[in-house]
Amino acid sequence: MQMHPAKRVEITIEAVMERRLTEALAGAGVTGWTVLPVMGGSGRSGVWSREGQVGRAGGMVQVVCLIRPDRLDGLLDAAFAVVERHIGVVCITDCAVLRAERF
């Protein structure tokens, strides 16, 4: 089975910013993503959980995209424009996909 190189981009951001991020991605030509709830974690601000949230009750989400390597810069420019002023992490991983025409 033939595999094709791709990039997996995971953007963890405050849930209140989800729509702004996905609109920015769409504006950059990204045609697909998956949004996952983030149940909790630990970072610079310490340990937190969705259940223990006070204020900003939506917590965090993770937006996952699979994209062709030549389209990565446009995605990152769009994502960074949203993430740079908010809590958020962007992670990029090399991966392979089976049906390249979908990405």
Protein backbone atom coordinates (compact mmCIF):
# COMPACT_ATOMS: atom_id res chain seq x y z
CA MET A 1 0.00 0.00 0.00
CA GLN A 2 1.41 3.38 -0.98
CA MET A 3 1.83 5.98 1.75
CA HIS A 4 2.29 9.72 1.22
CA PRO A 5 4.11 12.19 3.48
CA ALA A 6 1.95 14.62 5.45
CA LYS A 7 2.10 16.84 8.51
CA ARG A 8 -0.10 16.42 11.56
CA VAL A 9 -0.72 19.75 13.27
CA GLU A 10 -2.25 19.80 16.75
CA ILE A 11 -3.35 23.16 18.09
CA THR A 12 -4.43 23.24 21.73
CA ILE A 13 -6.28 26.46 22.50
CA GLU A 14 -8.93 27.91 24.79
CA ALA A 15 -12.37 26.68 23.73
CA VAL A 16 -13.64 30.26 23.38
CA MET A 17 -11.09 30.69 20.55
CA GLU A 18 -12.13 27.59 18.59
CA ARG A 19 -14.32 29.40 16.08
CA ARG A 20 -11.77 32.12 15.43
CA LEU A 21 -9.10 29.49 14.83
CA THR A 22 -11.18 27.32 12.50
CA GLU A 23 -12.29 30.40 10.52
CA ALA A 24 -8.63 31.42 10.15
CA LEU A 25 -7.72 27.91 8.99
CA ALA A 26 -10.55 27.91 6.44
CA GLY A 27 -9.39 31.33 5.23
CA ALA A 28 -5.92 29.86 4.68
CA GLY A 29 -7.38 27.08 2.50
CA VAL A 30 -7.36 24.29 5.09
CA THR A 31 -10.26 22.04 4.17
CA GLY A 32 -10.41 19.66 7.11
CA TRP A 33 -9.80 19.44 10.83
CA THR A 34 -11.06 17.61 13.88
CA VAL A 35 -11.87 19.31 17.20
CA LEU A 36 -11.32 17.29 20.37
CA PRO A 37 -12.15 18.27 23.96
CA VAL A 38 -9.19 18.58 26.29
CA MET A 39 -10.10 17.15 29.69
CA GLY A 40 -7.19 18.59 31.66
CA GLY A 41 -3.46 19.01 31.79
CA SER A 42 -0.53 20.75 33.32
CA GLY A 43 1.54 23.62 32.03
CA ARG A 44 3.13 26.89 32.96
CA SER A 45 0.09 27.83 35.06
CA GLY A 46 0.00 24.49 36.88
CA VAL A 47 -2.41 21.56 36.87
CA TRP A 48 -5.99 22.13 35.70
CA SER A 49 -9.02 20.08 34.73
CA ARG A 50 -12.18 20.83 32.79
CA GLU A 51 -14.24 19.85 35.86
CA GLY A 52 -12.39 22.29 38.10
CA GLN A 53 -12.66 25.28 35.75
CA VAL A 54 -13.99 28.50 37.19
CA GLY A 55 -14.67 31.16 34.57
CA ARG A 56 -13.95 30.46 30.92
CA ALA A 57 -16.01 27.35 31.55
CA GLY A 58 -15.32 25.90 28.12
CA GLY A 59 -11.77 24.93 29.05
CA MET A 60 -9.50 23.89 26.19
CA VAL A 61 -9.91 22.13 22.84
CA GLN A 62 -7.46 20.59 20.42
CA VAL A 63 -7.82 21.19 16.70
CA VAL A 64 -6.07 18.48 14.67
CA CYS A 65 -5.24 18.88 10.96
CA LEU A 66 -3.52 16.58 8.48
CA ILE A 67 -2.02 18.55 5.61
CA ARG A 68 0.37 18.21 2.70
CA PRO A 69 3.85 19.48 3.63
CA ASP A 70 3.76 22.22 0.97
CA ARG A 71 0.66 23.76 2.63
CA LEU A 72 2.11 23.84 6.16
CA ASP A 73 3.40 27.43 6.15
CA GLY A 74 -0.02 28.88 5.28
CA LEU A 75 -1.67 26.85 8.05
CA LEU A 76 0.94 27.93 10.60
CA ASP A 77 0.64 31.62 9.63
CA ALA A 78 -3.15 31.45 10.10
CA ALA A 79 -2.90 29.53 13.38
CA PHE A 80 -0.20 31.75 14.85
CA ALA A 81 -2.24 34.88 14.11
CA VAL A 82 -4.86 33.48 16.53
CA VAL A 83 -2.67 31.67 19.05
CA GLU A 84 0.02 34.32 19.59
CA ARG A 85 -2.10 36.42 21.99
CA HIS A 86 -3.83 33.55 23.79
CA ILE A 87 -3.06 30.40 25.71
CA GLY A 88 -2.19 27.80 23.12
CA VAL A 89 0.29 25.24 21.90
CA VAL A 90 1.05 24.23 18.31
CA CYS A 91 2.69 20.86 17.67
CA ILE A 92 3.79 19.54 14.26
CA THR A 93 4.56 15.89 13.56
CA ASP A 94 5.65 14.11 10.39
CA CYS A 95 3.18 11.40 9.40
CA ALA A 96 2.00 9.40 6.40
CA VAL A 97 -1.46 9.11 4.86
CA LEU A 98 -2.92 6.43 2.61
CA ARG A 99 -5.27 8.56 0.52
CA ALA A 100 -3.29 11.68 -0.43
CA GLU A 101 -6.13 13.07 -2.56
CA ARG A 102 -8.07 13.81 0.66
CA PHE A 103 -5.42 16.22 1.94
